[in-house]
Every structure is written in C-alpha cells, then in structure tokens.
Amino acid sequence: MMIRDVAPADLDALLAIRVRSFGHMSAGEAEEWKAKYTLSAQEGLLLGAYDGSRIMAGARIADFRQWWYGRPLTCAGIAGVVVAPEDRGKGVARTMIRAVVERAAALGYPVSALYPSTTPLYRSCGWEHAGARHYYVIPTESLRSVRPAHPVALRRMGPGDAAEVMLILHRVYSAARASGPVCATEVQWRQWLGDDRAFLYIADDGFIVYRWAGDALHVDHLAAASEHTARTLWGLLGSTSSTAKSIRAALDPADPVFHMLGERGVLGVALTPWMMRVVDLPTAVSARGYPTSVTADLTLDVDDPVRPGNTGLWRLTFTKGEGTAEPARPADSATHVGVGAFSALYAGVPTDALRRSGLLTGGSPADDEVLDTVFAARPYMIDHF
C-alpha cells in the first residue's frame, strides 16, 4: 500500500468509493463533489491509499481558519474519509489518517478538526472530542416581536461580497473570544454566495444566508457584531412567520437570539460532536488566545506517537494573553498527557474530566487550576464538513 496525492484521473474511482460508503448522489451533487475535489487535488489537499494503480481510500483536507479564544489559526479540516468496502479491516484507514496528519503538518497547520464517523480510529491517531455543533429548531412566531430600536439597512449580496463576509466573521468571533468556529477560504465563500437557492443579505457589520426547507427556513449562517444588526437579521426571519413554521440553524449556544425570543423559545436541539487535534504543539500554543489576567507557567509531559516532534517535556508560559511552549528540563511534578488529552485541554475540556477518564496523570491541583484557567473555552462549531 502506498499513500500519495490523488490524481485527477482517479477522481471517478474515488467518487465510486464515496457512493459505496455513504449512498448514491444526485447528478448535481456529484458534479459539486467533483468540482470541490478537483480543486483539493490541485492544491495538494487530497490523499489516497493505493494498491498499485488502484485507489482503495481517500481523505481530503479542508482549508479553514479556526478561532480559539478569539484568535484565528489555520486549521486542517479532515473530511471525505472513505475506504472501499473490500479493503476495510486491513488498517488502510489508520495508515492513511496518519499520513494526513503528516501532510497537515507539512502544510503548516497547527491544529486539525473533524466530525468522526467512528471515534476509535481518530482517537488512535491523536484526535479527541472537543465540542459539538448545536442545531436548533426555533418557532418562527417567537421571532415576530424581535425589532431593532434603530433599523439597519440591508442589501442583497453575492459572490463579490465573500471577502467582506470573512471580515465580518473575524470581527464577530474575535470580539466574542470564540472557540471552535471555522471560516472557509474566499474561493469557497464565493461558491456558497453564488448558490441561487439561497437568500443572502448583508449589512455593515452582519450578514445572513438562508433557504427554504419545506415549511421551515434553514439558516446556513447568521452573524452580527451589534445588537441592532442582530435584531434586524433575526427580525427578517420572524417576518416570515405567516408562511414558515420554524427556523432551523446551527448556532453558538450563547447566541444573543436566545435572549430575544418570545414565550415559546426553542423547540429542539440536536448535537453533532466533533474532535480536534493539535498538530504542531508549540505553534498551536503560541497562536491561541488566553485570558489576559493570567500569568502562570507549568511543565507538561506529552506523548505523540504519530508526530514525535510533539513528544517530550514542555514548559508552558502564559502572560498578558500570550502563551509559549518551549522544551523543558525534567520536572518531578510534570503533568502527563497523550496528544489527544492535550488537544482536549487545549479545547477547554476540564482537567477533572480528563483525570477521571484516565487521560491525565501526575502534576498537582495547582497545575490543574492553571490549565483549567488558561485553556478555558466553550467550543462550538457552525459549519459541517
């Protein structure tokens, strides 16, 4: 077996594996898939496992920015992992995923995220559960009374607004000290904003993308940096209450809309868990945001069998919202973690949960308090990939 870049000539064979793994696609869906995967292949973001000239499996890296405590990092989103049915159970997926980690590192991604179809495979390669995508169903009538004190002007938008949309997301996520949400590339946003099935509006500090789904409205994205814009955008949705029974949207669990809703509130919520992995430990630590009021340092003993460069003793130092990780000398009180547990820490999973699951040992209660404070986060994600 050899892991290498997928050639454009092999995309039809990879699509056939995808169909055998997840079911048939419409002609339009297949066309969109091929366009997306062709671009990924051209950018060195599509890997395949080969038996001679025959492709057995594939995996794609989606190029994202992901915010951690208000700071964006480049993030390798792992998607489209498929193995031909006749080649399963032979270690193909694990070998390929380990190669994907190395490719992500070579391309300079400090962190990675994915939605797991199976936890054991990804956990064995260093990913750990970090957060969830919260998908809410909100009765449209509960938004009828949402009105801004000062209405905000909206205009219809299209592909030419992709860069502005990305700037708005940066503004919103940075100000909220958000952890977990991602933003795709400008090329991807141009494609999304060119979808004639969607309705798109933009203001100076916010935007909305939504579409009809039966008797409901599905919101792909709604972001607003101010109260007036948030109320204007949610009020736009509320104005459809005579025809749309509900609004369906993936949201930050702390989205301000939950403090604007009328009497009936939320009808339901579904959670889709996602996992993350620290790919380059020192870069990930230095790129993340931290509470500005905390000054601390401690030693971690990290084990990463897939990326040995992350393995060893690290001195973590935090001050004025900045963090660093440098190789450390032996310390009697070092906290011991595998790279998966460190990734969970990085994502804000409490030390107590990791200790009681056996993923964190050593150290001291004082060190646990520091780790819980500096890595505090409530990770969530809006996009599914």
Protein backbone atom coordinates (compact mmCIF):
# COMPACT_ATOMS: atom_id res chain seq x y z
CA MET A 1 0.00 0.00 0.00
CA MET A 2 1.19 3.50 -0.89
CA ILE A 3 -0.19 6.85 0.27
CA ARG A 4 0.09 9.61 -2.30
CA ASP A 5 -1.73 12.57 -3.83
CA VAL A 6 -4.88 11.65 -5.69
CA ALA A 7 -4.52 12.29 -9.42
CA PRO A 8 -7.44 13.98 -11.22
CA ALA A 9 -7.78 10.83 -13.34
CA ASP A 10 -8.64 8.86 -10.17
CA LEU A 11 -11.49 11.11 -9.04
CA ASP A 12 -14.19 8.98 -10.71
CA ALA A 13 -12.90 5.90 -8.89
CA LEU A 14 -12.79 7.82 -5.60
CA LEU A 15 -16.34 9.05 -6.18
CA ALA A 16 -17.43 5.43 -6.67
CA ILE A 17 -15.91 4.57 -3.26
CA ARG A 18 -17.71 7.54 -1.72
CA VAL A 19 -21.04 6.29 -3.15
CA ARG A 20 -20.41 2.79 -1.79
CA SER A 21 -19.61 4.33 1.62
CA PHE A 22 -22.41 6.89 2.00
CA GLY A 23 -25.00 6.14 -0.68
CA HIS A 24 -25.95 7.49 -4.09
CA MET A 25 -25.72 11.15 -5.03
CA SER A 26 -27.82 13.15 -7.46
CA ALA A 27 -26.18 14.30 -10.70
CA GLY A 28 -25.93 17.83 -9.27
CA GLU A 29 -24.36 16.62 -6.02
CA ALA A 30 -21.84 14.50 -7.94
CA GLU A 31 -20.92 17.49 -10.08
CA GLU A 32 -20.38 19.67 -6.98
CA TRP A 33 -18.32 16.89 -5.38
CA LYS A 34 -16.05 16.61 -8.42
CA ALA A 35 -15.52 20.37 -8.61
CA LYS A 36 -14.58 20.55 -4.94
CA TYR A 37 -12.31 17.52 -5.02
CA THR A 38 -10.63 18.61 -8.25
CA LEU A 39 -9.62 21.85 -6.53
CA SER A 40 -8.41 19.94 -3.45
CA ALA A 41 -6.32 17.64 -5.66
CA GLN A 42 -4.74 20.63 -7.39
CA GLU A 43 -3.83 22.17 -4.02
CA GLY A 44 -2.24 19.03 -2.57
CA LEU A 45 -5.12 18.59 -0.10
CA LEU A 46 -6.39 15.21 -1.31
CA LEU A 47 -4.64 11.97 -0.34
CA GLY A 48 -5.36 8.42 -1.44
CA ALA A 49 -4.28 4.95 -0.44
CA TYR A 50 -3.24 2.86 -3.45
CA ASP A 51 -2.71 -0.81 -4.18
CA GLY A 52 -0.56 -0.41 -7.26
CA SER A 53 -2.59 1.83 -9.56
CA ARG A 54 -5.91 1.03 -7.83
CA ILE A 55 -7.19 3.60 -5.35
CA MET A 56 -8.54 1.99 -2.15
CA ALA A 57 -9.29 5.00 0.05
CA GLY A 58 -9.22 8.77 0.18
CA ALA A 59 -9.23 11.72 2.57
CA ARG A 60 -9.47 15.46 1.98
CA ILE A 61 -8.03 18.38 3.93
CA ALA A 62 -10.37 21.39 4.02
CA ASP A 63 -8.52 24.69 4.44
CA PHE A 64 -10.04 26.65 7.32
CA ARG A 65 -9.36 29.33 9.87
CA GLN A 66 -10.50 28.24 13.34
CA TRP A 67 -10.87 30.60 16.28
CA TRP A 68 -9.52 29.72 19.71
CA TYR A 69 -10.31 32.22 22.43
CA GLY A 70 -10.81 34.90 19.82
CA ARG A 71 -7.74 34.24 17.68
CA PRO A 72 -7.80 32.57 14.25
CA LEU A 73 -5.42 29.70 13.49
CA THR A 74 -5.06 27.82 10.23
CA CYS A 75 -6.94 24.55 10.70
CA ALA A 76 -6.89 21.34 8.67
CA GLY A 77 -10.47 20.14 8.49
CA ILE A 78 -10.43 16.42 7.73
CA ALA A 79 -13.33 15.34 5.52
CA GLY A 80 -14.40 12.76 2.97
CA VAL A 81 -12.59 9.84 4.61
CA VAL A 82 -13.69 6.73 2.69
CA VAL A 83 -12.37 3.19 2.27
CA ALA A 84 -13.59 0.75 -0.37
CA PRO A 85 -15.72 -1.95 1.31
CA GLU A 86 -13.45 -4.75 0.07
CA ASP A 87 -10.40 -3.07 1.65
CA ARG A 88 -11.79 -2.41 5.12
CA GLY A 89 -10.41 -4.11 8.22
CA LYS A 90 -6.84 -4.10 6.87
CA GLY A 91 -5.54 -0.97 8.60
CA VAL A 92 -5.91 1.15 5.45
CA ALA A 93 -7.80 3.98 7.14
CA ARG A 94 -5.37 4.26 10.07
CA THR A 95 -2.35 4.32 7.76
CA MET A 96 -3.96 6.99 5.60
CA ILE A 97 -5.06 9.16 8.53
CA ARG A 98 -1.56 9.12 9.99
CA ALA A 99 -0.31 10.30 6.58
CA VAL A 100 -2.94 13.06 6.63
CA VAL A 101 -1.54 14.29 9.96
CA GLU A 102 1.93 14.50 8.45
CA ARG A 103 0.61 16.30 5.36
CA ALA A 104 -1.23 18.80 7.58
CA ALA A 105 2.00 19.42 9.50
CA ALA A 106 3.99 19.84 6.29
CA LEU A 107 1.47 22.42 5.07
CA GLY A 108 1.82 24.41 8.30
CA TYR A 109 -1.49 23.66 10.03
CA PRO A 110 -1.05 23.83 13.84
CA VAL A 111 -4.46 22.25 14.57
CA SER A 112 -6.97 19.94 12.92
CA ALA A 113 -10.68 19.24 13.36
CA LEU A 114 -13.14 16.65 12.08
CA TYR A 115 -16.59 15.17 12.54
CA PRO A 116 -15.96 11.49 13.35
CA SER A 117 -17.86 8.66 11.77
CA THR A 118 -16.05 6.45 14.29
CA THR A 119 -14.22 7.58 17.42
CA PRO A 120 -11.63 4.78 17.91
CA LEU A 121 -9.89 5.37 14.57
CA TYR A 122 -9.37 9.09 15.09
CA ARG A 123 -8.62 8.79 18.79
CA SER A 124 -5.85 6.30 18.00
CA CYS A 125 -4.30 8.93 15.72
CA GLY A 126 -4.42 11.76 18.28
CA TRP A 127 -7.83 13.42 17.92
CA GLU A 128 -10.10 13.85 20.93
CA HIS A 129 -13.65 15.04 21.44
CA ALA A 130 -13.68 18.80 21.88
CA GLY A 131 -17.09 20.30 21.16
CA ALA A 132 -20.33 19.98 19.24
CA ARG A 133 -22.37 21.55 16.50
CA HIS A 134 -25.62 22.71 18.13
CA TYR A 135 -28.53 22.64 15.67
CA TYR A 136 -31.64 24.43 16.95
CA VAL A 137 -35.27 24.48 15.86
CA ILE A 138 -36.92 27.79 16.76
CA PRO A 139 -40.60 28.61 16.17
CA THR A 140 -40.76 31.50 13.73
CA GLU A 141 -43.58 33.14 15.64
CA SER A 142 -41.27 33.60 18.65
CA LEU A 143 -39.23 36.00 16.49
CA ARG A 144 -42.17 38.14 15.36
CA SER A 145 -41.58 40.68 18.12
CA VAL A 146 -37.82 40.98 17.54
CA ARG A 147 -37.26 44.51 16.29
CA PRO A 148 -34.25 46.83 16.44
CA ALA A 149 -34.59 50.23 18.11
CA HIS A 150 -32.74 51.61 15.10
CA PRO A 151 -33.32 49.52 11.93
CA VAL A 152 -30.20 48.60 9.99
CA ALA A 153 -30.02 48.89 6.20
CA LEU A 154 -29.63 45.57 4.40
CA ARG A 155 -28.76 44.84 0.81
CA ARG A 156 -28.72 41.64 -1.21
CA MET A 157 -25.27 40.11 -1.60
CA GLY A 158 -23.44 37.72 -3.90
CA PRO A 159 -20.03 36.21 -4.67
CA GLY A 160 -18.38 39.62 -4.77
CA ASP A 161 -19.07 40.03 -1.04
CA ALA A 162 -17.02 36.98 0.01
CA ALA A 163 -14.11 39.00 1.43
CA GLU A 164 -16.50 41.26 3.37
CA VAL A 165 -18.27 38.23 4.85
CA MET A 166 -14.95 36.86 6.05
CA LEU A 167 -14.07 40.20 7.68
CA ILE A 168 -17.41 40.22 9.50
CA LEU A 169 -16.85 36.70 10.83
CA HIS A 170 -13.37 37.71 12.02
CA ARG A 171 -14.85 40.72 13.80
CA VAL A 172 -17.64 38.72 15.45
CA TYR A 173 -15.55 35.74 16.54
CA SER A 174 -12.65 37.85 17.78
CA ALA A 175 -14.87 40.15 19.85
CA ALA A 176 -16.70 37.17 21.38
CA ARG A 177 -13.42 35.38 22.22
CA ALA A 178 -14.98 32.45 20.36
CA SER A 179 -13.51 28.95 20.40
CA GLY A 180 -14.18 26.37 17.69
CA PRO A 181 -15.98 28.07 14.78
CA VAL A 182 -14.28 27.95 11.41
CA CYS A 183 -14.21 30.10 8.29
CA ALA A 184 -13.59 28.67 4.82
CA THR A 185 -11.47 30.24 2.11
CA GLU A 186 -12.61 33.14 -0.08
CA VAL A 187 -12.89 30.73 -3.03
CA GLN A 188 -15.31 28.55 -1.07
CA TRP A 189 -17.31 31.55 0.12
CA ARG A 190 -17.64 32.79 -3.46
CA GLN A 191 -19.13 29.43 -4.42
CA TRP A 192 -21.57 29.45 -1.49
CA LEU A 193 -22.65 33.04 -2.17
CA GLY A 194 -23.34 32.10 -5.78
CA ASP A 195 -25.94 29.48 -4.84
CA ASP A 196 -29.20 30.68 -6.40
CA ARG A 197 -31.21 28.54 -3.97
CA ALA A 198 -30.14 30.73 -1.04
CA PHE A 199 -31.27 34.20 0.08
CA LEU A 200 -28.41 36.45 1.10
CA TYR A 201 -28.37 39.84 2.83
CA ILE A 202 -25.53 41.90 4.26
CA ALA A 203 -25.18 44.96 6.49
CA ASP A 204 -22.09 46.90 7.52
CA ASP A 205 -21.47 44.54 10.45
CA GLY A 206 -23.50 41.42 9.77
CA PHE A 207 -24.98 39.07 7.18
CA ILE A 208 -27.41 36.19 6.73
CA VAL A 209 -27.59 33.23 4.36
CA TYR A 210 -30.78 31.16 4.48
CA ARG A 211 -33.00 28.98 2.28
CA TRP A 212 -36.40 27.32 2.30
CA ALA A 213 -36.60 23.72 3.53
CA GLY A 214 -40.21 22.56 3.28
CA ASP A 215 -42.25 24.71 5.67
CA ALA A 216 -39.12 25.85 7.52
CA LEU A 217 -36.22 28.21 6.88
CA HIS A 218 -32.74 26.74 7.17
CA VAL A 219 -30.14 29.32 8.18
CA ASP A 220 -26.68 28.50 6.82
CA HIS A 221 -25.05 31.49 8.53
CA LEU A 222 -26.14 34.49 10.56
CA ALA A 223 -23.50 36.74 12.09
CA ALA A 224 -23.88 40.18 13.62
CA ALA A 225 -21.45 42.37 15.53
CA SER A 226 -24.07 44.66 17.09
CA GLU A 227 -27.45 44.41 18.78
CA HIS A 228 -29.24 46.43 16.11
CA THR A 229 -27.91 44.26 13.27
CA ALA A 230 -28.68 41.05 15.17
CA ARG A 231 -32.25 42.19 15.78
CA THR A 232 -32.62 43.28 12.16
CA LEU A 233 -31.47 39.92 10.78
CA TRP A 234 -33.48 37.80 13.21
CA GLY A 235 -36.47 40.10 12.69
CA LEU A 236 -36.22 39.46 8.95
CA LEU A 237 -36.69 35.76 9.66
CA GLY A 238 -39.51 36.49 12.08
CA SER A 239 -41.34 38.41 9.35
CA THR A 240 -41.92 35.09 7.55
CA SER A 241 -43.99 33.64 10.42
CA SER A 242 -47.18 33.52 8.33
CA THR A 243 -45.56 31.04 5.91
CA ALA A 244 -42.56 29.46 7.70
CA LYS A 245 -43.34 27.45 10.83
CA SER A 246 -39.79 27.21 12.16
CA ILE A 247 -36.23 28.42 11.82
CA ARG A 248 -33.51 25.77 11.77
CA ALA A 249 -29.94 26.86 12.41
CA ALA A 250 -26.59 25.81 13.84
CA LEU A 251 -25.74 28.43 16.46
CA ASP A 252 -23.40 29.36 19.24
CA PRO A 253 -25.16 28.08 22.41
CA ALA A 254 -24.64 31.60 23.78
CA ASP A 255 -26.07 33.34 20.70
CA PRO A 256 -27.88 36.56 21.71
CA VAL A 257 -31.04 35.41 19.91
CA PHE A 258 -31.87 33.20 22.90
CA HIS A 259 -32.29 36.38 24.95
CA MET A 260 -34.58 37.93 22.32
CA LEU A 261 -37.03 35.08 21.78
CA GLY A 262 -40.67 35.31 22.72
CA GLU A 263 -42.60 32.99 25.01
CA ARG A 264 -42.22 29.60 23.31
CA GLY A 265 -38.45 29.63 22.91
CA VAL A 266 -36.59 26.70 21.37
CA LEU A 267 -38.49 23.64 20.09
CA GLY A 268 -35.49 21.33 19.97
CA VAL A 269 -31.75 20.97 19.66
CA ALA A 270 -29.54 18.28 18.10
CA LEU A 271 -25.85 17.89 18.86
CA THR A 272 -23.19 16.60 16.45
CA PRO A 273 -19.86 16.07 18.25
CA TRP A 274 -16.55 16.99 16.64
CA MET A 275 -12.94 16.19 17.50
CA MET A 276 -9.77 18.23 17.31
CA ARG A 277 -6.04 17.53 17.28
CA VAL A 278 -3.02 19.67 17.98
CA VAL A 279 -0.70 19.04 15.01
CA ASP A 280 2.20 21.34 15.92
CA LEU A 281 2.28 21.86 19.69
CA PRO A 282 4.49 24.95 20.10
CA THR A 283 2.84 26.77 17.19
CA ALA A 284 -0.65 25.91 18.42
CA VAL A 285 0.13 27.18 21.92
CA SER A 286 1.63 30.46 20.71
CA ALA A 287 -1.17 31.15 18.20
CA ARG A 288 -4.10 30.65 20.58
CA GLY A 289 -5.68 33.40 22.67
CA TYR A 290 -5.74 33.29 26.51
CA PRO A 291 -7.24 35.30 29.38
CA THR A 292 -5.19 38.48 29.74
CA SER A 293 -5.40 38.43 33.54
CA VAL A 294 -3.50 35.14 33.96
CA THR A 295 0.26 34.84 34.49
CA ALA A 296 1.48 31.29 35.04
CA ASP A 297 3.84 28.54 33.92
CA LEU A 298 3.96 24.77 34.33
CA THR A 299 5.51 21.68 32.79
CA LEU A 300 3.68 19.13 30.66
CA ASP A 301 4.96 15.71 29.59
CA VAL A 302 3.33 14.98 26.23
CA ASP A 303 3.34 11.76 24.22
CA ASP A 304 2.51 11.82 20.50
CA PRO A 305 3.33 8.52 18.74
CA VAL A 306 2.27 9.90 15.35
CA ARG A 307 4.26 13.15 15.48
CA PRO A 308 7.35 12.60 17.67
CA GLY A 309 8.19 16.30 17.47
CA ASN A 310 5.34 16.94 19.90
CA THR A 311 6.61 14.32 22.34
CA GLY A 312 8.57 15.33 25.43
CA LEU A 313 8.64 17.83 28.27
CA TRP A 314 7.28 21.27 27.51
CA ARG A 315 7.34 24.38 29.66
CA LEU A 316 4.14 26.32 29.05
CA THR A 317 4.24 30.02 29.96
CA PHE A 318 1.28 32.41 29.90
CA THR A 319 1.20 36.16 30.38
CA LYS A 320 -0.93 39.08 29.12
CA GLY A 321 -3.00 36.87 26.85
CA GLU A 322 0.01 35.23 25.20
CA GLY A 323 1.30 31.67 25.51
CA THR A 324 4.53 29.87 24.64
CA ALA A 325 5.70 26.26 24.73
CA GLU A 326 9.43 25.52 24.94
CA PRO A 327 11.36 22.29 25.55
CA ALA A 328 11.76 21.81 29.30
CA ARG A 329 14.14 20.11 31.68
CA PRO A 330 12.93 17.12 33.72
CA ALA A 331 10.45 18.10 36.43
CA ASP A 332 9.16 15.97 39.29
CA SER A 333 5.67 17.46 39.14
CA ALA A 334 5.05 17.36 35.39
CA THR A 335 1.52 16.62 34.27
CA HIS A 336 1.43 13.64 31.86
CA VAL A 337 -0.87 13.65 28.80
CA GLY A 338 -1.12 11.98 25.44
CA VAL A 339 -1.57 14.28 22.47
CA GLY A 340 -5.29 13.56 22.46
CA ALA A 341 -5.65 14.64 26.08
CA PHE A 342 -3.54 17.72 25.38
CA SER A 343 -5.83 18.54 22.45
CA ALA A 344 -8.82 18.21 24.77
CA LEU A 345 -7.14 20.52 27.30
CA TYR A 346 -6.44 23.00 24.53
CA ALA A 347 -10.16 22.93 23.67
CA GLY A 348 -11.21 23.66 27.23
CA VAL A 349 -12.10 20.16 28.48
CA PRO A 350 -11.69 20.35 32.30
CA THR A 351 -8.75 18.56 33.90
CA ASP A 352 -11.14 16.77 36.26
CA ALA A 353 -12.90 15.09 33.32
CA LEU A 354 -9.56 14.02 31.85
CA ARG A 355 -8.26 12.70 35.18
CA ARG A 356 -11.40 10.69 35.84
CA SER A 357 -11.17 9.21 32.32
CA GLY A 358 -7.52 8.25 32.87
CA LEU A 359 -6.19 10.59 30.18
CA LEU A 360 -4.32 12.95 32.52
CA THR A 361 -1.97 11.91 35.34
CA GLY A 362 0.71 13.46 37.52
CA GLY A 363 1.03 17.14 38.25
CA SER A 364 -0.70 18.91 41.11
CA PRO A 365 -4.06 20.51 41.93
CA ALA A 366 -2.42 23.90 41.43
CA ASP A 367 -1.34 22.88 37.92
CA ASP A 368 -4.86 21.66 37.16
CA GLU A 369 -6.26 25.03 38.20
CA VAL A 370 -3.81 26.80 35.88
CA LEU A 371 -4.68 24.52 32.96
CA ASP A 372 -8.41 24.97 33.52
CA THR A 373 -7.99 28.75 33.67
CA VAL A 374 -5.71 29.37 30.70
CA PHE A 375 -7.46 26.93 28.36
CA ALA A 376 -10.98 27.85 29.45
CA ALA A 377 -13.32 27.67 26.45
CA ARG A 378 -16.84 26.67 25.39
CA PRO A 379 -16.10 25.29 21.92
CA TYR A 380 -18.81 25.04 19.28
CA MET A 381 -18.99 24.89 15.51
CA ILE A 382 -21.43 26.25 12.93
CA ASP A 383 -20.19 24.62 9.71
CA HIS A 384 -20.41 20.91 8.95
CA PHE A 385 -17.82 19.38 6.62
